[in-house]
C-alpha atoms as a PDB file:
ATOM      1  CA  MET A   1       0.000   0.000   0.000  1.00  0.00           C
ATOM      2  CA  SER A   2       1.315   3.415  -0.910  1.00  0.00           C
ATOM      3  CA  GLN A   3       0.220   5.029   2.393  1.00  0.00           C
ATOM      4  CA  GLN A   4      -0.632   3.236   5.631  1.00  0.00           C
ATOM      5  CA  VAL A   5      -3.846   4.926   6.717  1.00  0.00           C
ATOM      6  CA  SER A   6      -6.511   3.453   8.994  1.00  0.00           C
ATOM      7  CA  PRO A   7     -10.000   2.848   7.589  1.00  0.00           C
ATOM      8  CA  GLU A   8     -11.407   5.218  10.235  1.00  0.00           C
ATOM      9  CA  THR A   9      -9.070   8.031   9.136  1.00  0.00           C
ATOM     10  CA  LEU A  10     -10.084   7.477   5.514  1.00  0.00           C
ATOM     11  CA  ARG A  11     -13.800   7.443   6.395  1.00  0.00           C
ATOM     12  CA  SER A  12     -13.373  10.668   8.322  1.00  0.00           C
ATOM     13  CA  ALA A  13     -11.485  12.342   5.469  1.00  0.00           C
ATOM     14  CA  LEU A  14     -14.165  11.245   2.990  1.00  0.00           C
ATOM     15  CA  GLN A  15     -16.965  12.560   5.216  1.00  0.00           C
ATOM     16  CA  SER A  16     -15.071  15.833   5.639  1.00  0.00           C
ATOM     17  CA  LEU A  17     -14.668  16.251   1.880  1.00  0.00           C
ATOM     18  CA  ALA A  18     -18.370  15.479   1.350  1.00  0.00           C
ATOM     19  CA  ALA A  19     -19.270  18.148   3.927  1.00  0.00           C
ATOM     20  CA  ARG A  20     -16.961  20.706   2.297  1.00  0.00           C
ATOM     21  CA  LEU A  21     -18.322  19.992  -1.178  1.00  0.00           C
ATOM     22  CA  GLY A  22     -21.932  19.639  -0.064  1.00  0.00           C
ATOM     23  CA  LYS A  23     -22.277  16.476  -2.133  1.00  0.00           C
ATOM     24  CA  THR A  24     -21.140  12.870  -2.394  1.00  0.00           C
ATOM     25  CA  PRO A  25     -17.597  13.133  -3.805  1.00  0.00           C
ATOM     26  CA  THR A  26     -16.517  11.549  -7.058  1.00  0.00           C
ATOM     27  CA  VAL A  27     -13.108   9.949  -7.566  1.00  0.00           C
ATOM     28  CA  VAL A  28     -12.120  13.118  -9.442  1.00  0.00           C
ATOM     29  CA  ASP A  29     -13.221  15.270  -6.461  1.00  0.00           C
ATOM     30  CA  MET A  30     -11.064  13.158  -4.154  1.00  0.00           C
ATOM     31  CA  HIS A  31      -8.115  13.323  -6.533  1.00  0.00           C
ATOM     32  CA  GLU A  32      -8.353  17.104  -6.898  1.00  0.00           C
ATOM     33  CA  LYS A  33      -9.446  18.185  -3.415  1.00  0.00           C
ATOM     34  CA  GLY A  34      -9.118  15.226  -1.071  1.00  0.00           C
ATOM     35  CA  GLN A  35      -6.495  14.485   1.513  1.00  0.00           C
ATOM     36  CA  TYR A  36      -5.726  10.955   0.215  1.00  0.00           C
ATOM     37  CA  ALA A  37      -5.536   9.493  -3.285  1.00  0.00           C
ATOM     38  CA  PRO A  38      -8.595   7.551  -4.498  1.00  0.00           C
ATOM     39  CA  LYS A  39      -6.296   4.527  -4.958  1.00  0.00           C
ATOM     40  CA  VAL A  40      -5.784   4.376  -1.165  1.00  0.00           C
ATOM     41  CA  TYR A  41      -9.567   4.111  -0.660  1.00  0.00           C
ATOM     42  CA  GLN A  42      -9.807   1.372  -3.267  1.00  0.00           C
ATOM     43  CA  GLU A  43      -6.969  -0.572  -1.648  1.00  0.00           C
ATOM     44  CA  VAL A  44      -8.473  -0.335   1.851  1.00  0.00           C
ATOM     45  CA  PHE A  45     -12.186  -0.726   1.033  1.00  0.00           C
ATOM     46  CA  GLY A  46     -12.109  -2.695  -2.228  1.00  0.00           C
ATOM     47  CA  SER A  47     -13.800  -0.060  -4.384  1.00  0.00           C
ATOM     48  CA  TRP A  48     -14.771   3.590  -4.372  1.00  0.00           C
ATOM     49  CA  ASN A  49     -18.443   2.725  -3.808  1.00  0.00           C
ATOM     50  CA  GLU A  50     -17.549   0.533  -0.821  1.00  0.00           C
ATOM     51  CA  ALA A  51     -15.496   3.415   0.610  1.00  0.00           C
ATOM     52  CA  LEU A  52     -18.487   5.740   0.190  1.00  0.00           C
ATOM     53  CA  GLU A  53     -20.786   3.253   1.932  1.00  0.00           C
ATOM     54  CA  ALA A  54     -18.284   2.797   4.767  1.00  0.00           C
ATOM     55  CA  ALA A  55     -18.392   6.582   5.243  1.00  0.00           C
ATOM     56  CA  GLY A  56     -22.208   6.542   5.304  1.00  0.00           C
ATOM     57  CA  LEU A  57     -22.497   8.159   1.868  1.00  0.00           C
ATOM     58  CA  ASP A  58     -24.766   6.912  -0.914  1.00  0.00           C
ATOM     59  CA  PRO A  59     -22.956   5.851  -4.116  1.00  0.00           C
ATOM     60  CA  ASP A  60     -26.218   6.518  -6.006  1.00  0.00           C
ATOM     61  CA  GLU A  61     -25.778  10.204  -5.143  1.00  0.00           C
ATOM     62  CA  ILE A  62     -22.223  10.548  -6.529  1.00  0.00           C
ATOM     63  CA  GLY A  63     -21.669  14.041  -7.780  1.00  0.00           C
ATOM     64  CA  SER A  64     -25.082  15.256  -6.627  1.00  0.00           C
ATOM     65  CA  LYS A  65     -25.802  17.542  -3.733  1.00  0.00           C
ATOM     66  CA  ARG A  66     -26.487  15.730  -0.470  1.00  0.00           C
ATOM     67  CA  ILE A  67     -30.207  15.620   0.130  1.00  0.00           C
ATOM     68  CA  PRO A  68     -31.055  17.138   3.509  1.00  0.00           C
ATOM     69  CA  ASP A  69     -32.662  14.747   6.001  1.00  0.00           C
ATOM     70  CA  ARG A  70     -35.730  16.990   6.181  1.00  0.00           C
ATOM     71  CA  GLU A  71     -36.311  16.515   2.422  1.00  0.00           C
ATOM     72  CA  LEU A  72     -35.976  12.753   2.673  1.00  0.00           C
ATOM     73  CA  LEU A  73     -38.413  12.658   5.597  1.00  0.00           C
ATOM     74  CA  ALA A  74     -40.816  15.015   3.814  1.00  0.00           C
ATOM     75  CA  GLU A  75     -40.839  12.605   0.859  1.00  0.00           C
ATOM     76  CA  LEU A  76     -41.823   9.751   3.201  1.00  0.00           C
ATOM     77  CA  GLN A  77     -44.616  11.930   4.596  1.00  0.00           C
ATOM     78  CA  ARG A  78     -45.764  12.854   1.083  1.00  0.00           C
ATOM     79  CA  LEU A  79     -45.991   9.207   0.081  1.00  0.00           C
ATOM     80  CA  TYR A  80     -47.811   8.413   3.320  1.00  0.00           C
ATOM     81  CA  THR A  81     -50.417  11.076   2.485  1.00  0.00           C
ATOM     82  CA  GLU A  82     -50.682   9.905  -1.131  1.00  0.00           C
ATOM     83  CA  LEU A  83     -50.919   6.180  -0.324  1.00  0.00           C
ATOM     84  CA  GLY A  84     -52.834   6.391   2.943  1.00  0.00           C
ATOM     85  CA  LYS A  85     -50.320   4.080   4.642  1.00  0.00           C
ATOM     86  CA  PRO A  86     -46.631   4.117   5.562  1.00  0.00           C
ATOM     87  CA  PRO A  87     -44.717   3.606   2.320  1.00  0.00           C
ATOM     88  CA  THR A  88     -42.783   0.422   1.694  1.00  0.00           C
ATOM     89  CA  GLN A  89     -39.421   0.302  -0.036  1.00  0.00           C
ATOM     90  CA  ARG A  90     -41.282  -0.828  -3.149  1.00  0.00           C
ATOM     91  CA  ASP A  91     -43.588   2.212  -2.867  1.00  0.00           C
ATOM     92  CA  MET A  92     -40.518   4.455  -2.750  1.00  0.00           C
ATOM     93  CA  THR A  93     -39.039   2.761  -5.828  1.00  0.00           C
ATOM     94  CA  GLU A  94     -42.292   3.034  -7.782  1.00  0.00           C
ATOM     95  CA  HIS A  95     -43.617   6.420  -6.611  1.00  0.00           C
ATOM     96  CA  GLY A  96     -40.884   8.191  -4.676  1.00  0.00           C
ATOM     97  CA  GLU A  97     -38.347  10.793  -5.617  1.00  0.00           C
ATOM     98  CA  TYR A  98     -35.337   9.140  -3.951  1.00  0.00           C
ATOM     99  CA  SER A  99     -33.707   5.716  -3.817  1.00  0.00           C
ATOM    100  CA  ASN A 100     -34.739   3.486  -0.905  1.00  0.00           C
ATOM    101  CA  ARG A 101     -31.009   2.774  -0.581  1.00  0.00           C
ATOM    102  CA  THR A 102     -30.468   6.429   0.283  1.00  0.00           C
ATOM    103  CA  TYR A 103     -32.785   5.963   3.268  1.00  0.00           C
ATOM    104  CA  GLN A 104     -31.073   2.755   4.380  1.00  0.00           C
ATOM    105  CA  LEU A 105     -27.630   4.328   4.255  1.00  0.00           C
ATOM    106  CA  ARG A 106     -28.672   7.615   5.846  1.00  0.00           C
ATOM    107  CA  PHE A 107     -30.861   6.236   8.657  1.00  0.00           C
ATOM    108  CA  GLY A 108     -29.474   2.706   9.055  1.00  0.00           C
ATOM    109  CA  SER A 109     -32.597   0.868   7.857  1.00  0.00           C
ATOM    110  CA  TRP A 110     -35.930   1.468   6.175  1.00  0.00           C
ATOM    111  CA  SER A 111     -37.723   1.034   9.519  1.00  0.00           C
ATOM    112  CA  ALA A 112     -35.450   3.600  11.160  1.00  0.00           C
ATOM    113  CA  ALA A 113     -36.250   6.086   8.363  1.00  0.00           C
ATOM    114  CA  LEU A 114     -39.982   5.531   8.876  1.00  0.00           C
ATOM    115  CA  GLN A 115     -39.570   6.009  12.619  1.00  0.00           C
ATOM    116  CA  GLU A 116     -37.618   9.232  12.035  1.00  0.00           C
ATOM    117  CA  ALA A 117     -40.520  10.440   9.849  1.00  0.00           C
ATOM    118  CA  MET A 118     -42.864   9.472  12.720  1.00  0.00           C
ATOM    119  CA  LEU A 119     -44.596   6.814  10.626  1.00  0.00           C
ATOM    120  CA  GLU A 120     -45.530   3.294  11.655  1.00  0.00           C
ATOM    121  CA  THR A 121     -43.212   0.460  10.714  1.00  0.00           C
ATOM    122  CA  ASN A 122     -43.840  -3.198   9.999  1.00  0.00           C
ATOM    123  CA  ASP A 123     -42.278  -3.874  13.402  1.00  0.00           C
ATOM    124  CA  GLY A 124     -45.750  -3.449  14.957  1.00  0.00           C
ATOM    125  CA  ILE A 125     -47.365  -6.040  12.686  1.00  0.00           C
ATOM    126  CA  SER A 126     -48.121  -9.268  14.485  1.00  0.00           C
ATOM    127  CA  GLU A 127     -46.744 -12.622  13.394  1.00  0.00           C
ATOM    128  CA  GLU A 128     -50.349 -13.704  12.863  1.00  0.00           C
ATOM    129  CA  GLU A 129     -50.862 -10.890  10.337  1.00  0.00           C
ATOM    130  CA  LEU A 130     -47.655 -11.836   8.544  1.00  0.00           C
ATOM    131  CA  LEU A 131     -48.700 -15.478   8.397  1.00  0.00           C
ATOM    132  CA  ARG A 132     -52.194 -14.546   7.149  1.00  0.00           C
ATOM    133  CA  GLU A 133     -50.547 -12.647   4.292  1.00  0.00           C
ATOM    134  CA  ILE A 134     -48.445 -15.703   3.358  1.00  0.00           C
ATOM    135  CA  GLU A 135     -51.596 -17.840   3.458  1.00  0.00           C
ATOM    136  CA  ARG A 136     -53.527 -15.313   1.333  1.00  0.00           C
ATOM    137  CA  LEU A 137     -50.813 -15.310  -1.319  1.00  0.00           C
ATOM    138  CA  ALA A 138     -50.518 -19.122  -1.180  1.00  0.00           C
ATOM    139  CA  GLU A 139     -54.247 -19.405  -1.800  1.00  0.00           C
ATOM    140  CA  GLU A 140     -54.002 -16.957  -4.711  1.00  0.00           C
ATOM    141  CA  LEU A 141     -51.081 -18.885  -6.249  1.00  0.00           C
ATOM    142  CA  GLY A 142     -52.352 -22.363  -5.393  1.00  0.00           C
ATOM    143  CA  ARG A 143     -49.032 -23.191  -3.698  1.00  0.00           C
ATOM    144  CA  ALA A 144     -46.499 -21.868  -1.209  1.00  0.00           C
ATOM    145  CA  PRO A 145     -45.196 -18.501  -2.435  1.00  0.00           C
ATOM    146  CA  LYS A 146     -41.547 -17.850  -3.127  1.00  0.00           C
ATOM    147  CA  ALA A 147     -39.879 -14.883  -1.401  1.00  0.00           C
ATOM    148  CA  ALA A 148     -39.657 -13.069  -4.758  1.00  0.00           C
ATOM    149  CA  GLU A 149     -43.406 -13.515  -5.240  1.00  0.00           C
ATOM    150  CA  MET A 150     -44.064 -12.069  -1.795  1.00  0.00           C
ATOM    151  CA  ASP A 151     -41.845  -9.159  -2.766  1.00  0.00           C
ATOM    152  CA  ASP A 152     -43.823  -8.591  -5.989  1.00  0.00           C
ATOM    153  CA  GLN A 153     -47.370  -9.389  -4.882  1.00  0.00           C
ATOM    154  CA  GLY A 154     -47.458  -9.401  -1.097  1.00  0.00           C
ATOM    155  CA  GLU A 155     -48.243  -6.714   1.423  1.00  0.00           C
ATOM    156  CA  TYR A 156     -44.952  -7.112   3.326  1.00  0.00           C
ATOM    157  CA  ALA A 157     -41.379  -7.456   2.105  1.00  0.00           C
ATOM    158  CA  PRO A 158     -39.550 -10.781   2.559  1.00  0.00           C
ATOM    159  CA  VAL A 159     -37.017  -9.005   4.791  1.00  0.00           C
ATOM    160  CA  THR A 160     -39.827  -8.499   7.332  1.00  0.00           C
ATOM    161  CA  TYR A 161     -40.332 -12.270   7.428  1.00  0.00           C
ATOM    162  CA  HIS A 162     -36.582 -12.869   7.729  1.00  0.00           C
ATOM    163  CA  ARG A 163     -36.426 -10.454  10.661  1.00  0.00           C
ATOM    164  CA  ARG A 164     -39.387 -12.034  12.450  1.00  0.00           C
ATOM    165  CA  PHE A 165     -38.941 -15.721  11.684  1.00  0.00           C
ATOM    166  CA  GLY A 166     -35.230 -16.026  10.941  1.00  0.00           C
ATOM    167  CA  SER A 167     -35.699 -17.005   7.291  1.00  0.00           C
ATOM    168  CA  TRP A 168     -38.301 -17.251   4.553  1.00  0.00           C
ATOM    169  CA  ARG A 169     -38.306 -21.050   4.963  1.00  0.00           C
ATOM    170  CA  GLU A 170     -39.071 -20.683   8.698  1.00  0.00           C
ATOM    171  CA  ALA A 171     -41.956 -18.339   7.910  1.00  0.00           C
ATOM    172  CA  LEU A 172     -43.367 -20.929   5.494  1.00  0.00           C
ATOM    173  CA  THR A 173     -42.958 -23.597   8.197  1.00  0.00           C
ATOM    174  CA  GLU A 174     -44.884 -21.423  10.675  1.00  0.00           C
ATOM    175  CA  ALA A 175     -47.636 -20.989   8.071  1.00  0.00           C
ATOM    176  CA  ASP A 176     -47.614 -24.784   7.546  1.00  0.00           C
ATOM    177  CA  LEU A 177     -46.644 -24.276   3.890  1.00  0.00           C
ATOM    178  CA  ASP A 178     -43.162 -25.807   3.966  1.00  0.00           C
ATOM    179  CA  ARG A 179     -43.967 -29.118   2.318  1.00  0.00           C
ATOM    180  CA  ASP A 180     -42.758 -29.669  -1.229  1.00  0.00           C
ATOM    181  CA  ASP A 181     -45.754 -30.007  -3.531  1.00  0.00           C
ATOM    182  CA  SER A 182     -43.681 -30.393  -6.687  1.00  0.00           C
END
């Protein structure tokens, strides 16, 4: 490695540059105005995007002005008003102005972003409600749904089931839909 610099020092320098520029820095920004060469970041973190993520910056926002938290939260509130329910990540992708990844990186998780916007999260949904939704989709499909089908057609994202039950397979077991009907 050309310079021995700790990952924490690099993260701090990257965050500092982002604050000075008012945007997520590009490799060119780092080369021209940064404290360390972009190559150092790539050596330590594996890639420029991984360095950005390690610093809590969104690679999808490279070169664009950092979106203030209040704007991100206002967009969640707008979708809530439009949809009549707390927006899901899919709702944000389909109807929102920003990437759901921006929310995950900025707030730590989608649920944390919803909480910050003072909206309900799926954390308050009972296991019974989650299982009823699996059963509803199974009845519609005529078989146990796949996680991707729940993601496309279900009310709740598969990650909610993973968080609650440990895995998609465990959720199917709890719903008594784990047998192979093939």
